[in-house]
Amino acid sequence: MQYDILEALNQIAVEKNMEIDYVIETLKSSLVSAARKKYGDGDNIVVNIDRRSGEIFIKADTTGTSDLA
C-alpha cells in the first residue's frame, strides 16, 4: 500500500511539472497543519516520509519543550 503513495506522489509531480521534493514537502506541511488543527498548536508535530517504503511517520512531542531564542 505504501508503494501506491509514492507512485501517486510521483504521478502528481510529473503531471504538474513539479519536483518530487516539492510535492513531498507540501504533503508533509499539510499533514502537520491537519494534526495541529485536530490536536492543537501546543504540540511540536513532526512528519517524516520514508522515500523507499512510502511509510509516513507522524510524531507529536507533548512534553512541553519548545525552542528557546
Protein backbone atom coordinates (compact mmCIF):
# COMPACT_ATOMS: atom_id res chain seq x y z
CA MET A 1 0.00 0.00 0.00
CA GLN A 2 2.81 2.43 0.82
CA TYR A 3 4.29 1.99 -2.64
CA ASP A 4 0.99 3.28 -4.04
CA ILE A 5 1.53 6.53 -2.13
CA LEU A 6 4.97 7.04 -3.66
CA GLU A 7 3.63 6.19 -7.09
CA ALA A 8 0.80 8.71 -6.66
CA LEU A 9 3.18 11.43 -5.47
CA ASN A 10 5.46 10.80 -8.44
CA GLN A 11 2.50 10.93 -10.80
CA ILE A 12 1.39 14.28 -9.32
CA ALA A 13 4.92 15.63 -9.73
CA VAL A 14 5.04 14.58 -13.39
CA GLU A 15 1.53 15.80 -14.24
CA LYS A 16 2.04 19.19 -12.58
CA ASN A 17 5.64 19.51 -13.79
CA MET A 18 6.98 19.84 -10.23
CA GLU A 19 9.93 18.38 -8.39
CA ILE A 20 9.03 15.34 -6.28
CA ASP A 21 10.71 17.03 -3.31
CA TYR A 22 8.25 19.90 -3.53
CA VAL A 23 5.27 17.52 -3.66
CA ILE A 24 6.54 15.58 -0.63
CA GLU A 25 7.24 18.76 1.37
CA THR A 26 3.75 20.04 0.53
CA LEU A 27 2.22 16.78 1.76
CA LYS A 28 4.28 16.92 4.96
CA SER A 29 3.23 20.51 5.58
CA SER A 30 -0.42 19.62 5.02
CA LEU A 31 -0.22 16.72 7.46
CA VAL A 32 1.35 18.94 10.11
CA SER A 33 -1.40 21.53 9.60
CA ALA A 34 -4.12 18.89 9.87
CA ALA A 35 -2.60 17.44 13.04
CA ARG A 36 -2.32 20.89 14.63
CA LYS A 37 -5.92 21.62 13.74
CA LYS A 38 -7.07 18.40 15.37
CA TYR A 39 -4.75 18.29 18.39
CA GLY A 40 -3.89 21.94 18.98
CA ASP A 41 -0.96 24.23 18.34
CA GLY A 42 0.86 23.37 21.56
CA ASP A 43 2.46 20.19 20.28
CA ASN A 44 5.65 20.04 18.26
CA ILE A 45 4.48 17.88 15.34
CA VAL A 46 6.99 16.23 13.04
CA VAL A 47 6.15 14.37 9.83
CA ASN A 48 8.61 12.13 8.01
CA ILE A 49 8.02 10.22 4.80
CA ASP A 50 10.30 7.29 4.00
CA ARG A 51 11.07 7.68 0.31
CA ARG A 52 11.94 4.00 -0.10
CA SER A 53 8.93 2.37 1.54
CA GLY A 54 6.39 5.19 1.42
CA GLU A 55 5.72 4.92 5.14
CA ILE A 56 4.51 8.11 6.78
CA PHE A 57 5.54 8.79 10.37
CA ILE A 58 3.81 11.47 12.44
CA LYS A 59 5.10 12.32 15.89
CA ALA A 60 3.78 14.84 18.39
CA ASP A 61 6.08 15.92 21.19
CA THR A 62 3.79 16.78 24.07
CA THR A 63 6.50 17.21 26.70
CA GLY A 64 6.11 20.97 26.61
CA THR A 65 9.59 21.65 25.31
CA SER A 66 9.97 24.49 22.86
CA ASP A 67 12.73 26.30 21.05
CA LEU A 68 14.38 28.92 23.16
CA ALA A 69 15.51 32.02 21.33
